[in-house]
């Protein structure tokens, strides 16, 4: 297996973001006033994502469907797709987690200033 793009080139990923009370911006496309976000603890966000990941991994749900319904990121409208990005374009924790995944793999919970995520590497 070639790993030529694992250390240098761009990767492509989708994610599901659950914002919570500690998130940098407490509003999203589905919660413009931030009522839900301000009342969501980090623990609750993580628990929701763990349940979502279980459903996806077990085949009960499709990542893109869950993203479009539940993600607090505007990328939800594209099934969570963030497009391609290279090093230095995302928050470091997000970037490191994405580069560590194989294509098709889904990350554990990743924490950034934006909230809690699970990430699926798509390329």
PDB file of N, CA and C in Angstrom:
ATOM      1  N   UNK A   1       0.843  -1.205   0.000  1.00  0.00           N
ATOM      2  CA  UNK A   1       0.000   0.000   0.000  1.00  0.00           C
ATOM      3  C   UNK A   1       0.872   1.247   0.000  1.00  0.00           C
ATOM      4  N   UNK A   2       0.549   2.151  -0.873  1.00  0.00           N
ATOM      5  CA  UNK A   2       1.296   3.401  -0.951  1.00  0.00           C
ATOM      6  C   UNK A   2       0.792   4.356   0.131  1.00  0.00           C
ATOM      7  N   UNK A   3       1.712   5.034   0.756  1.00  0.00           N
ATOM      8  CA  UNK A   3       1.304   6.019   1.762  1.00  0.00           C
ATOM      9  C   UNK A   3       1.787   7.402   1.355  1.00  0.00           C
ATOM     10  N   UNK A   4       1.865   7.623   0.043  1.00  0.00           N
ATOM     11  CA  UNK A   4       2.462   8.862  -0.443  1.00  0.00           C
ATOM     12  C   UNK A   4       1.726  10.102   0.027  1.00  0.00           C
ATOM     13  N   UNK A   5       0.385  10.029   0.126  1.00  0.00           N
ATOM     14  CA  UNK A   5      -0.324  11.254   0.512  1.00  0.00           C
ATOM     15  C   UNK A   5      -0.574  11.328   2.012  1.00  0.00           C
ATOM     16  N   UNK A   6      -0.043  10.366   2.767  1.00  0.00           N
ATOM     17  CA  UNK A   6      -0.329  10.365   4.200  1.00  0.00           C
ATOM     18  C   UNK A   6       0.445  11.433   4.949  1.00  0.00           C
ATOM     19  N   UNK A   7       1.593  11.815   4.437  1.00  0.00           N
ATOM     20  CA  UNK A   7       2.389  12.774   5.203  1.00  0.00           C
ATOM     21  C   UNK A   7       2.506  14.121   4.514  1.00  0.00           C
ATOM     22  N   UNK A   8       2.175  14.186   3.234  1.00  0.00           N
ATOM     23  CA  UNK A   8       2.400  15.452   2.557  1.00  0.00           C
ATOM     24  C   UNK A   8       1.118  16.057   2.002  1.00  0.00           C
ATOM     25  N   UNK A   9       0.432  15.300   1.147  1.00  0.00           N
ATOM     26  CA  UNK A   9      -0.654  15.890   0.384  1.00  0.00           C
ATOM     27  C   UNK A   9      -1.887  16.196   1.203  1.00  0.00           C
ATOM     28  N   UNK A  10      -2.929  16.552   0.480  1.00  0.00           N
ATOM     29  CA  UNK A  10      -4.185  16.894   1.143  1.00  0.00           C
ATOM     30  C   UNK A  10      -4.970  15.637   1.472  1.00  0.00           C
ATOM     31  N   UNK A  11      -5.834  15.770   2.449  1.00  0.00           N
ATOM     32  CA  UNK A  11      -6.780  14.724   2.796  1.00  0.00           C
ATOM     33  C   UNK A  11      -8.173  15.297   2.594  1.00  0.00           C
ATOM     34  N   UNK A  12      -9.152  14.418   2.574  1.00  0.00           N
ATOM     35  CA  UNK A  12     -10.534  14.872   2.512  1.00  0.00           C
ATOM     36  C   UNK A  12     -11.281  14.180   3.632  1.00  0.00           C
ATOM     37  N   UNK A  13     -12.159  14.910   4.279  1.00  0.00           N
ATOM     38  CA  UNK A  13     -12.858  14.338   5.418  1.00  0.00           C
ATOM     39  C   UNK A  13     -14.255  14.921   5.546  1.00  0.00           C
ATOM     40  N   UNK A  14     -15.086  14.138   6.226  1.00  0.00           N
ATOM     41  CA  UNK A  14     -16.402  14.596   6.649  1.00  0.00           C
ATOM     42  C   UNK A  14     -16.422  14.523   8.164  1.00  0.00           C
ATOM     43  N   UNK A  15     -17.301  15.296   8.783  1.00  0.00           N
ATOM     44  CA  UNK A  15     -17.377  15.199  10.238  1.00  0.00           C
ATOM     45  C   UNK A  15     -18.795  15.435  10.709  1.00  0.00           C
ATOM     46  N   UNK A  16     -19.002  15.043  11.952  1.00  0.00           N
ATOM     47  CA  UNK A  16     -20.226  15.374  12.665  1.00  0.00           C
ATOM     48  C   UNK A  16     -19.780  16.174  13.875  1.00  0.00           C
ATOM     49  N   UNK A  17     -20.295  17.377  13.994  1.00  0.00           N
ATOM     50  CA  UNK A  17     -19.948  18.285  15.089  1.00  0.00           C
ATOM     51  C   UNK A  17     -21.143  18.435  16.005  1.00  0.00           C
ATOM     52  N   UNK A  18     -20.908  18.232  17.295  1.00  0.00           N
ATOM     53  CA  UNK A  18     -21.915  18.583  18.295  1.00  0.00           C
ATOM     54  C   UNK A  18     -21.317  19.707  19.140  1.00  0.00           C
ATOM     55  N   UNK A  19     -21.932  20.863  19.047  1.00  0.00           N
ATOM     56  CA  UNK A  19     -21.476  21.997  19.857  1.00  0.00           C
ATOM     57  C   UNK A  19     -22.016  21.850  21.281  1.00  0.00           C
ATOM     58  N   UNK A  20     -21.333  22.484  22.224  1.00  0.00           N
ATOM     59  CA  UNK A  20     -21.761  22.421  23.624  1.00  0.00           C
ATOM     60  C   UNK A  20     -21.420  23.731  24.320  1.00  0.00           C
ATOM     61  N   UNK A  21     -21.709  23.788  25.599  1.00  0.00           N
ATOM     62  CA  UNK A  21     -21.551  25.037  26.360  1.00  0.00           C
ATOM     63  C   UNK A  21     -20.131  25.596  26.300  1.00  0.00           C
ATOM     64  N   UNK A  22     -19.142  24.750  26.027  1.00  0.00           N
ATOM     65  CA  UNK A  22     -17.757  25.215  25.953  1.00  0.00           C
ATOM     66  C   UNK A  22     -17.323  25.602  24.550  1.00  0.00           C
ATOM     67  N   UNK A  23     -18.208  25.513  23.592  1.00  0.00           N
ATOM     68  CA  UNK A  23     -17.851  25.804  22.207  1.00  0.00           C
ATOM     69  C   UNK A  23     -17.594  27.286  21.992  1.00  0.00           C
ATOM     70  N   UNK A  24     -16.713  27.563  21.062  1.00  0.00           N
ATOM     71  CA  UNK A  24     -16.316  28.952  20.784  1.00  0.00           C
ATOM     72  C   UNK A  24     -17.515  29.790  20.343  1.00  0.00           C
ATOM     73  N   UNK A  25     -18.286  29.290  19.376  1.00  0.00           N
ATOM     74  CA  UNK A  25     -19.479  30.022  18.931  1.00  0.00           C
ATOM     75  C   UNK A  25     -20.709  29.184  19.260  1.00  0.00           C
ATOM     76  N   UNK A  26     -21.586  29.745  20.090  1.00  0.00           N
ATOM     77  CA  UNK A  26     -22.720  28.973  20.579  1.00  0.00           C
ATOM     78  C   UNK A  26     -23.963  29.194  19.722  1.00  0.00           C
ATOM     79  N   UNK A  27     -23.808  28.942  18.434  1.00  0.00           N
ATOM     80  CA  UNK A  27     -24.952  29.006  17.525  1.00  0.00           C
ATOM     81  C   UNK A  27     -24.619  28.110  16.357  1.00  0.00           C
ATOM     82  N   UNK A  28     -25.636  27.601  15.713  1.00  0.00           N
ATOM     83  CA  UNK A  28     -25.402  26.776  14.526  1.00  0.00           C
ATOM     84  C   UNK A  28     -26.599  26.905  13.605  1.00  0.00           C
ATOM     85  N   UNK A  29     -26.480  26.311  12.437  1.00  0.00           N
ATOM     86  CA  UNK A  29     -27.568  26.379  11.455  1.00  0.00           C
ATOM     87  C   UNK A  29     -28.853  25.801  12.012  1.00  0.00           C
ATOM     88  N   UNK A  30     -28.757  24.815  12.897  1.00  0.00           N
ATOM     89  CA  UNK A  30     -29.994  24.225  13.417  1.00  0.00           C
ATOM     90  C   UNK A  30     -30.367  24.771  14.786  1.00  0.00           C
ATOM     91  N   UNK A  31     -29.529  25.597  15.330  1.00  0.00           N
ATOM     92  CA  UNK A  31     -29.799  26.202  16.643  1.00  0.00           C
ATOM     93  C   UNK A  31     -29.293  27.646  16.621  1.00  0.00           C
ATOM     94  N   UNK A  32     -29.925  28.494  15.767  1.00  0.00           N
ATOM     95  CA  UNK A  32     -29.369  29.843  15.549  1.00  0.00           C
ATOM     96  C   UNK A  32     -29.299  30.706  16.804  1.00  0.00           C
ATOM     97  N   UNK A  33     -30.206  30.476  17.750  1.00  0.00           N
ATOM     98  CA  UNK A  33     -30.164  31.250  19.001  1.00  0.00           C
ATOM     99  C   UNK A  33     -29.268  30.598  20.048  1.00  0.00           C
ATOM    100  N   UNK A  34     -28.832  29.364  19.769  1.00  0.00           N
ATOM    101  CA  UNK A  34     -27.923  28.683  20.686  1.00  0.00           C
ATOM    102  C   UNK A  34     -28.575  28.133  21.942  1.00  0.00           C
ATOM    103  N   UNK A  35     -29.908  28.015  21.961  1.00  0.00           N
ATOM    104  CA  UNK A  35     -30.577  27.526  23.174  1.00  0.00           C
ATOM    105  C   UNK A  35     -30.137  26.115  23.539  1.00  0.00           C
ATOM    106  N   UNK A  36     -30.118  25.232  22.557  1.00  0.00           N
ATOM    107  CA  UNK A  36     -29.739  23.842  22.821  1.00  0.00           C
ATOM    108  C   UNK A  36     -28.258  23.765  23.166  1.00  0.00           C
ATOM    109  N   UNK A  37     -27.446  24.471  22.386  1.00  0.00           N
ATOM    110  CA  UNK A  37     -25.994  24.407  22.577  1.00  0.00           C
ATOM    111  C   UNK A  37     -25.601  24.874  23.980  1.00  0.00           C
ATOM    112  N   UNK A  38     -26.190  25.987  24.429  1.00  0.00           N
ATOM    113  CA  UNK A  38     -25.825  26.516  25.754  1.00  0.00           C
ATOM    114  C   UNK A  38     -26.220  25.561  26.878  1.00  0.00           C
ATOM    115  N   UNK A  39     -27.169  24.662  26.588  1.00  0.00           N
ATOM    116  CA  UNK A  39     -27.620  23.710  27.609  1.00  0.00           C
ATOM    117  C   UNK A  39     -27.064  22.306  27.398  1.00  0.00           C
ATOM    118  N   UNK A  40     -26.124  22.174  26.471  1.00  0.00           N
ATOM    119  CA  UNK A  40     -25.507  20.878  26.207  1.00  0.00           C
ATOM    120  C   UNK A  40     -24.138  20.838  26.875  1.00  0.00           C
ATOM    121  N   UNK A  41     -23.924  19.861  27.740  1.00  0.00           N
ATOM    122  CA  UNK A  41     -22.603  19.714  28.352  1.00  0.00           C
ATOM    123  C   UNK A  41     -21.682  18.988  27.378  1.00  0.00           C
ATOM    124  N   UNK A  42     -20.401  19.103  27.619  1.00  0.00           N
ATOM    125  CA  UNK A  42     -19.434  18.375  26.797  1.00  0.00           C
ATOM    126  C   UNK A  42     -19.689  16.873  26.910  1.00  0.00           C
ATOM    127  N   UNK A  43     -19.997  16.423  28.131  1.00  0.00           N
ATOM    128  CA  UNK A  43     -20.251  14.993  28.351  1.00  0.00           C
ATOM    129  C   UNK A  43     -21.441  14.517  27.517  1.00  0.00           C
ATOM    130  N   UNK A  44     -22.468  15.347  27.444  1.00  0.00           N
ATOM    131  CA  UNK A  44     -23.645  15.001  26.658  1.00  0.00           C
ATOM    132  C   UNK A  44     -23.309  14.949  25.178  1.00  0.00           C
ATOM    133  N   UNK A  45     -22.523  15.906  24.711  1.00  0.00           N
ATOM    134  CA  UNK A  45     -22.114  15.929  23.297  1.00  0.00           C
ATOM    135  C   UNK A  45     -21.333  14.663  22.957  1.00  0.00           C
ATOM    136  N   UNK A  46     -20.403  14.277  23.846  1.00  0.00           N
ATOM    137  CA  UNK A  46     -19.591  13.084  23.633  1.00  0.00           C
ATOM    138  C   UNK A  46     -20.474  11.831  23.626  1.00  0.00           C
ATOM    139  N   UNK A  47     -21.432  11.773  24.542  1.00  0.00           N
ATOM    140  CA  UNK A  47     -22.326  10.614  24.614  1.00  0.00           C
ATOM    141  C   UNK A  47     -23.150  10.486  23.328  1.00  0.00           C
ATOM    142  N   UNK A  48     -23.640  11.614  22.817  1.00  0.00           N
ATOM    143  CA  UNK A  48     -24.405  11.589  21.565  1.00  0.00           C
ATOM    144  C   UNK A  48     -23.546  11.070  20.419  1.00  0.00           C
ATOM    145  N   UNK A  49     -22.314  11.569  20.337  1.00  0.00           N
ATOM    146  CA  UNK A  49     -21.427  11.157  19.253  1.00  0.00           C
ATOM    147  C   UNK A  49     -21.055   9.683  19.357  1.00  0.00           C
ATOM    148  N   UNK A  50     -20.836   9.201  20.582  1.00  0.00           N
ATOM    149  CA  UNK A  50     -20.495   7.783  20.752  1.00  0.00           C
ATOM    150  C   UNK A  50     -21.644   6.908  20.263  1.00  0.00           C
ATOM    151  N   UNK A  51     -22.873   7.303  20.589  1.00  0.00           N
ATOM    152  CA  UNK A  51     -24.047   6.536  20.145  1.00  0.00           C
ATOM    153  C   UNK A  51     -24.159   6.581  18.622  1.00  0.00           C
ATOM    154  N   UNK A  52     -23.913   7.751  18.040  1.00  0.00           N
ATOM    155  CA  UNK A  52     -23.971   7.884  16.584  1.00  0.00           C
ATOM    156  C   UNK A  52     -22.909   6.999  15.929  1.00  0.00           C
ATOM    157  N   UNK A  53     -21.699   7.037  16.469  1.00  0.00           N
ATOM    158  CA  UNK A  53     -20.617   6.236  15.888  1.00  0.00           C
ATOM    159  C   UNK A  53     -20.963   4.752  15.955  1.00  0.00           C
ATOM    160  N   UNK A  54     -21.507   4.306  17.081  1.00  0.00           N
ATOM    161  CA  UNK A  54     -21.903   2.896  17.209  1.00  0.00           C
ATOM    162  C   UNK A  54     -22.897   2.508  16.129  1.00  0.00           C
ATOM    163  N   UNK A  55     -23.885   3.364  15.906  1.00  0.00           N
ATOM    164  CA  UNK A  55     -24.898   3.079  14.882  1.00  0.00           C
ATOM    165  C   UNK A  55     -24.273   3.030  13.483  1.00  0.00           C
ATOM    166  N   UNK A  56     -23.309   3.910  13.233  1.00  0.00           N
ATOM    167  CA  UNK A  56     -22.668   3.953  11.919  1.00  0.00           C
ATOM    168  C   UNK A  56     -21.796   2.708  11.721  1.00  0.00           C
ATOM    169  N   UNK A  57     -20.976   2.398  12.714  1.00  0.00           N
ATOM    170  CA  UNK A  57     -20.055   1.268  12.606  1.00  0.00           C
ATOM    171  C   UNK A  57     -20.818  -0.054  12.503  1.00  0.00           C
ATOM    172  N   UNK A  58     -21.941  -0.151  13.207  1.00  0.00           N
ATOM    173  CA  UNK A  58     -22.720  -1.387  13.184  1.00  0.00           C
ATOM    174  C   UNK A  58     -23.594  -1.507  11.942  1.00  0.00           C
ATOM    175  N   UNK A  59     -23.652  -0.429  11.150  1.00  0.00           N
ATOM    176  CA  UNK A  59     -24.427  -0.482   9.925  1.00  0.00           C
ATOM    177  C   UNK A  59     -25.883  -0.056  10.082  1.00  0.00           C
ATOM    178  N   UNK A  60     -26.256   0.364  11.290  1.00  0.00           N
ATOM    179  CA  UNK A  60     -27.641   0.803  11.511  1.00  0.00           C
ATOM    180  C   UNK A  60     -27.913   2.171  10.908  1.00  0.00           C
ATOM    181  N   UNK A  61     -26.844   2.935  10.704  1.00  0.00           N
ATOM    182  CA  UNK A  61     -26.995   4.299  10.184  1.00  0.00           C
ATOM    183  C   UNK A  61     -25.855   4.599   9.226  1.00  0.00           C
ATOM    184  N   UNK A  62     -26.078   5.570   8.364  1.00  0.00           N
ATOM    185  CA  UNK A  62     -25.064   6.005   7.406  1.00  0.00           C
ATOM    186  C   UNK A  62     -24.504   7.340   7.877  1.00  0.00           C
ATOM    187  N   UNK A  63     -23.175   7.443   7.867  1.00  0.00           N
ATOM    188  CA  UNK A  63     -22.492   8.632   8.386  1.00  0.00           C
ATOM    189  C   UNK A  63     -23.103   9.914   7.822  1.00  0.00           C
ATOM    190  N   UNK A  64     -23.245   9.957   6.487  1.00  0.00           N
ATOM    191  CA  UNK A  64     -23.700  11.186   5.833  1.00  0.00           C
ATOM    192  C   UNK A  64     -25.122  11.560   6.257  1.00  0.00           C
ATOM    193  N   UNK A  65     -25.968  10.552   6.480  1.00  0.00           N
ATOM    194  CA  UNK A  65     -27.349  10.822   6.919  1.00  0.00           C
ATOM    195  C   UNK A  65     -27.365  11.418   8.321  1.00  0.00           C
ATOM    196  N   UNK A  66     -26.564  10.829   9.196  1.00  0.00           N
ATOM    197  CA  UNK A  66     -26.489  11.336  10.572  1.00  0.00           C
ATOM    198  C   UNK A  66     -25.929  12.757  10.570  1.00  0.00           C
ATOM    199  N   UNK A  67     -24.883  12.977   9.774  1.00  0.00           N
ATOM    200  CA  UNK A  67     -24.274  14.315   9.698  1.00  0.00           C
ATOM    201  C   UNK A  67     -25.305  15.338   9.240  1.00  0.00           C
ATOM    202  N   UNK A  68     -26.052  14.990   8.173  1.00  0.00           N
ATOM    203  CA  UNK A  68     -26.972  16.000   7.626  1.00  0.00           C
ATOM    204  C   UNK A  68     -28.104  16.300   8.592  1.00  0.00           C
ATOM    205  N   UNK A  69     -28.417  15.357   9.465  1.00  0.00           N
ATOM    206  CA  UNK A  69     -29.503  15.583  10.409  1.00  0.00           C
ATOM    207  C   UNK A  69     -29.044  16.235  11.714  1.00  0.00           C
ATOM    208  N   UNK A  70     -27.870  15.836  12.204  1.00  0.00           N
ATOM    209  CA  UNK A  70     -27.510  16.201  13.577  1.00  0.00           C
ATOM    210  C   UNK A  70     -26.300  17.114  13.735  1.00  0.00           C
ATOM    211  N   UNK A  71     -25.440  17.207  12.722  1.00  0.00           N
ATOM    212  CA  UNK A  71     -24.221  17.989  12.896  1.00  0.00           C
ATOM    213  C   UNK A  71     -24.542  19.470  13.050  1.00  0.00           C
ATOM    214  N   UNK A  72     -23.815  20.132  13.948  1.00  0.00           N
ATOM    215  CA  UNK A  72     -23.980  21.571  14.148  1.00  0.00           C
ATOM    216  C   UNK A  72     -23.150  22.389  13.169  1.00  0.00           C
ATOM    217  N   UNK A  73     -22.444  21.740  12.258  1.00  0.00           N
ATOM    218  CA  UNK A  73     -21.643  22.457  11.263  1.00  0.00           C
ATOM    219  C   UNK A  73     -22.460  22.651   9.994  1.00  0.00           C
ATOM    220  N   UNK A  74     -22.231  23.762   9.307  1.00  0.00           N
ATOM    221  CA  UNK A  74     -22.960  24.002   8.058  1.00  0.00           C
ATOM    222  C   UNK A  74     -22.620  22.949   7.001  1.00  0.00           C
ATOM    223  N   UNK A  75     -21.528  22.198   7.203  1.00  0.00           N
ATOM    224  CA  UNK A  75     -21.188  21.102   6.286  1.00  0.00           C
ATOM    225  C   UNK A  75     -22.248  20.002   6.327  1.00  0.00           C
ATOM    226  N   UNK A  76     -23.148  20.061   7.303  1.00  0.00           N
ATOM    227  CA  UNK A  76     -24.251  19.090   7.391  1.00  0.00           C
ATOM    228  C   UNK A  76     -25.022  19.035   6.077  1.00  0.00           C
ATOM    229  N   UNK A  77     -25.143  20.186   5.433  1.00  0.00           N
ATOM    230  CA  UNK A  77     -25.899  20.243   4.174  1.00  0.00           C
ATOM    231  C   UNK A  77     -25.231  19.415   3.079  1.00  0.00           C
ATOM    232  N   UNK A  78     -23.948  19.071   3.273  1.00  0.00           N
ATOM    233  CA  UNK A  78     -23.218  18.225   2.322  1.00  0.00           C
ATOM    234  C   UNK A  78     -22.900  16.873   2.949  1.00  0.00           C
ATOM    235  N   UNK A  79     -23.704  16.440   3.895  1.00  0.00           N
ATOM    236  CA  UNK A  79     -23.454  15.160   4.550  1.00  0.00           C
ATOM    237  C   UNK A  79     -22.203  15.165   5.406  1.00  0.00           C
ATOM    238  N   UNK A  80     -21.811  16.372   5.837  1.00  0.00           N
ATOM    239  CA  UNK A  80     -20.638  16.507   6.703  1.00  0.00           C
ATOM    240  C   UNK A  80     -19.338  16.740   5.957  1.00  0.00           C
ATOM    241  N   UNK A  81     -19.394  16.760   4.623  1.00  0.00           N
ATOM    242  CA  UNK A  81     -18.175  16.864   3.821  1.00  0.00           C
ATOM    243  C   UNK A  81     -17.511  18.230   3.977  1.00  0.00           C
ATOM    244  N   UNK A  82     -16.230  18.206   4.355  1.00  0.00           N
ATOM    245  CA  UNK A  82     -15.453  19.439   4.501  1.00  0.00           C
ATOM    246  C   UNK A  82     -14.580  19.714   3.291  1.00  0.00           C
ATOM    247  N   UNK A  83     -14.598  18.798   2.316  1.00  0.00           N
ATOM    248  CA  UNK A  83     -13.724  18.953   1.169  1.00  0.00           C
ATOM    249  C   UNK A  83     -12.297  18.568   1.533  1.00  0.00           C
ATOM    250  N   UNK A  84     -11.373  18.934   0.657  1.00  0.00           N
ATOM    251  CA  UNK A  84      -9.961  18.588   0.860  1.00  0.00           C
ATOM    252  C   UNK A  84      -9.253  19.699   1.616  1.00  0.00           C
ATOM    253  N   UNK A  85      -8.282  19.293   2.421  1.00  0.00           N
ATOM    254  CA  UNK A  85      -7.470  20.292   3.119  1.00  0.00           C
ATOM    255  C   UNK A  85      -6.092  19.709   3.383  1.00  0.00           C
ATOM    256  N   UNK A  86      -5.143  20.614   3.554  1.00  0.00           N
ATOM    257  CA  UNK A  86      -3.778  20.213   3.847  1.00  0.00           C
ATOM    258  C   UNK A  86      -3.408  20.588   5.269  1.00  0.00           C
ATOM    259  N   UNK A  87      -2.164  20.327   5.600  1.00  0.00           N
ATOM    260  CA  UNK A  87      -1.661  20.668   6.933  1.00  0.00           C
ATOM    261  C   UNK A  87      -1.792  22.169   7.187  1.00  0.00           C
ATOM    262  N   UNK A  88      -2.166  22.510   8.411  1.00  0.00           N
ATOM    263  CA  UNK A  88      -2.211  23.909   8.801  1.00  0.00           C
ATOM    264  C   UNK A  88      -3.509  24.624   8.470  1.00  0.00           C
ATOM    265  N   UNK A  89      -4.489  23.904   7.907  1.00  0.00           N
ATOM    266  CA  UNK A  89      -5.744  24.573   7.537  1.00  0.00           C
ATOM    267  C   UNK A  89      -6.862  24.358   8.558  1.00  0.00           C
ATOM    268  N   UNK A  90      -6.726  23.335   9.389  1.00  0.00           N
ATOM    269  CA  UNK A  90      -7.742  23.029  10.398  1.00  0.00           C
ATOM    270  C   UNK A  90      -7.111  23.165  11.778  1.00  0.00           C
ATOM    271  N   UNK A  91      -7.957  23.160  12.817  1.00  0.00           N
ATOM    272  CA  UNK A  91      -7.408  23.143  14.164  1.00  0.00           C
ATOM    273  C   UNK A  91      -6.560  21.881  14.316  1.00  0.00           C
ATOM    274  N   UNK A  92      -5.456  22.008  15.058  1.00  0.00           N
ATOM    275  CA  UNK A  92      -4.453  20.939  15.084  1.00  0.00           C
ATOM    276  C   UNK A  92      -5.019  19.588  15.504  1.00  0.00           C
ATOM    277  N   UNK A  93      -5.840  19.540  16.519  1.00  0.00           N
ATOM    278  CA  UNK A  93      -6.393  18.253  16.978  1.00  0.00           C
ATOM    279  C   UNK A  93      -7.205  17.593  15.869  1.00  0.00           C
ATOM    280  N   UNK A  94      -7.956  18.409  15.132  1.00  0.00           N
ATOM    281  CA  UNK A  94      -8.788  17.905  14.040  1.00  0.00           C
ATOM    282  C   UNK A  94      -7.895  17.380  12.910  1.00  0.00           C
ATOM    283  N   UNK A  95      -6.903  18.169  12.568  1.00  0.00           N
ATOM    284  CA  UNK A  95      -5.972  17.794  11.507  1.00  0.00           C
ATOM    285  C   UNK A  95      -5.230  16.505  11.852  1.00  0.00           C
ATOM    286  N   UNK A  96      -4.683  16.439  13.062  1.00  0.00           N
ATOM    287  CA  UNK A  96      -3.923  15.255  13.475  1.00  0.00           C
ATOM    288  C   UNK A  96      -4.787  14.001  13.427  1.00  0.00           C
ATOM    289  N   UNK A  97      -6.016  14.122  13.895  1.00  0.00           N
ATOM    290  CA  UNK A  97      -6.922  12.966  13.904  1.00  0.00           C
ATOM    291  C   UNK A  97      -7.231  12.519  12.480  1.00  0.00           C
ATOM    292  N   UNK A  98      -7.447  13.473  11.589  1.00  0.00           N
ATOM    293  CA  UNK A  98      -7.790  13.131  10.204  1.00  0.00           C
ATOM    294  C   UNK A  98      -6.623  12.441   9.511  1.00  0.00           C
ATOM    295  N   UNK A  99      -5.428  12.986   9.648  1.00  0.00           N
ATOM    296  CA  UNK A  99      -4.258  12.395   8.998  1.00  0.00           C
ATOM    297  C   UNK A  99      -3.938  11.009   9.561  1.00  0.00           C
ATOM    298  N   UNK A 100      -4.336  10.742  10.793  1.00  0.00           N
ATOM    299  CA  UNK A 100      -4.046   9.441  11.408  1.00  0.00           C
ATOM    300  C   UNK A 100      -5.002   8.348  10.923  1.00  0.00           C
ATOM    301  N   UNK A 101      -6.131   8.754  10.328  1.00  0.00           N
ATOM    302  CA  UNK A 101      -7.119   7.780   9.862  1.00  0.00           C
ATOM    303  C   UNK A 101      -6.735   7.213   8.498  1.00  0.00           C
ATOM    304  N   UNK A 102      -7.166   5.978   8.259  1.00  0.00           N
ATOM    305  CA  UNK A 102      -7.127   5.433   6.903  1.00  0.00           C
ATOM    306  C   UNK A 102      -8.415   5.863   6.215  1.00  0.00           C
ATOM    307  N   UNK A 103      -8.413   5.893   4.896  1.00  0.00           N
ATOM    308  CA  UNK A 103      -9.618   6.256   4.147  1.00  0.00           C
ATOM    309  C   UNK A 103     -10.754   5.311   4.534  1.00  0.00           C
ATOM    310  N   UNK A 104     -11.907   5.899   4.868  1.00  0.00           N
ATOM    311  CA  UNK A 104     -13.071   5.113   5.269  1.00  0.00           C
ATOM    312  C   UNK A 104     -13.193   4.913   6.770  1.00  0.00           C
ATOM    313  N   UNK A 105     -12.126   5.189   7.508  1.00  0.00           N
ATOM    314  CA  UNK A 105     -12.164   5.026   8.962  1.00  0.00           C
ATOM    315  C   UNK A 105     -12.841   6.217   9.629  1.00  0.00           C
ATOM    316  N   UNK A 106     -13.398   5.952  10.810  1.00  0.00           N
ATOM    317  CA  UNK A 106     -14.049   7.000  11.607  1.00  0.00           C
ATOM    318  C   UNK A 106     -13.269   7.159  12.908  1.00  0.00           C
ATOM    319  N   UNK A 107     -13.028   8.397  13.270  1.00  0.00           N
ATOM    320  CA  UNK A 107     -12.211   8.688  14.459  1.00  0.00           C
ATOM    321  C   UNK A 107     -12.989   8.441  15.746  1.00  0.00           C
ATOM    322  N   UNK A 108     -12.233   8.413  16.836  1.00  0.00           N
ATOM    323  CA  UNK A 108     -12.842   8.539  18.154  1.00  0.00           C
ATOM    324  C   UNK A 108     -13.250  10.003  18.309  1.00  0.00           C
ATOM    325  N   UNK A 109     -13.746  10.350  19.468  1.00  0.00           N
ATOM    326  CA  UNK A 109     -14.158  11.731  19.721  1.00  0.00           C
ATOM    327  C   UNK A 109     -12.942  12.654  19.660  1.00  0.00           C
ATOM    328  N   UNK A 110     -13.084  13.741  18.918  1.00  0.00           N
ATOM    329  CA  UNK A 110     -12.024  14.749  18.810  1.00  0.00           C
ATOM    330  C   UNK A 110     -12.584  16.063  19.346  1.00  0.00           C
ATOM    331  N   UNK A 111     -11.825  16.692  20.232  1.00  0.00           N
ATOM    332  CA  UNK A 111     -12.251  17.962  20.832  1.00  0.00           C
ATOM    333  C   UNK A 111     -11.501  19.124  20.197  1.00  0.00           C
ATOM    334  N   UNK A 112     -12.246  20.150  19.775  1.00  0.00           N
ATOM    335  CA  UNK A 112     -11.625  21.396  19.312  1.00  0.00           C
ATOM    336  C   UNK A 112     -12.373  22.560  19.952  1.00  0.00           C
ATOM    337  N   UNK A 113     -11.950  23.778  19.637  1.00  0.00           N
ATOM    338  CA  UNK A 113     -12.645  24.969  20.131  1.00  0.00           C
ATOM    339  C   UNK A 113     -14.084  25.018  19.631  1.00  0.00           C
ATOM    340  N   UNK A 114     -14.352  24.334  18.535  1.00  0.00           N
ATOM    341  CA  UNK A 114     -15.696  24.360  17.953  1.00  0.00           C
ATOM    342  C   UNK A 114     -16.667  23.438  18.679  1.00  0.00           C
ATOM    343  N   UNK A 115     -16.141  22.410  19.320  1.00  0.00           N
ATOM    344  CA  UNK A 115     -16.998  21.439  19.995  1.00  0.00           C
ATOM    345  C   UNK A 115     -16.416  20.042  19.895  1.00  0.00           C
ATOM    346  N   UNK A 116     -17.295  19.037  19.945  1.00  0.00           N
ATOM    347  CA  UNK A 116     -16.877  17.643  19.879  1.00  0.00           C
ATOM    348  C   UNK A 116     -17.233  17.093  18.503  1.00  0.00           C
ATOM    349  N   UNK A 117     -16.321  16.302  17.928  1.00  0.00           N
ATOM    350  CA  UNK A 117     -16.510  15.792  16.569  1.00  0.00           C
ATOM    351  C   UNK A 117     -16.244  14.294  16.506  1.00  0.00           C
ATOM    352  N   UNK A 118     -16.829  13.644  15.503  1.00  0.00           N
ATOM    353  CA  UNK A 118     -16.251  12.422  14.959  1.00  0.00           C
ATOM    354  C   UNK A 118     -15.971  12.716  13.494  1.00  0.00           C
ATOM    355  N   UNK A 119     -14.873  12.163  13.008  1.00  0.00           N
ATOM    356  CA  UNK A 119     -14.382  12.486  11.672  1.00  0.00           C
ATOM    357  C   UNK A 119     -14.304  11.207  10.849  1.00  0.00           C
ATOM    358  N   UNK A 120     -14.720  11.295   9.606  1.00  0.00           N
ATOM    359  CA  UNK A 120     -14.571  10.187   8.656  1.00  0.00           C
ATOM    360  C   UNK A 120     -13.651  10.662   7.544  1.00  0.00           C
ATOM    361  N   UNK A 121     -12.536   9.952   7.377  1.00  0.00           N
ATOM    362  CA  UNK A 121     -11.634  10.310   6.285  1.00  0.00           C
ATOM    363  C   UNK A 121     -12.173   9.713   4.997  1.00  0.00           C
ATOM    364  N   UNK A 122     -12.306  10.527   3.977  1.00  0.00           N
ATOM    365  CA  UNK A 122     -12.903  10.059   2.729  1.00  0.00           C
ATOM    366  C   UNK A 122     -11.899   9.999   1.580  1.00  0.00           C
ATOM    367  N   UNK A 123     -10.708  10.569   1.757  1.00  0.00           N
ATOM    368  CA  UNK A 123      -9.696  10.484   0.721  1.00  0.00           C
ATOM    369  C   UNK A 123      -8.337  10.844   1.296  1.00  0.00           C
TER     370      UNK A 123
END
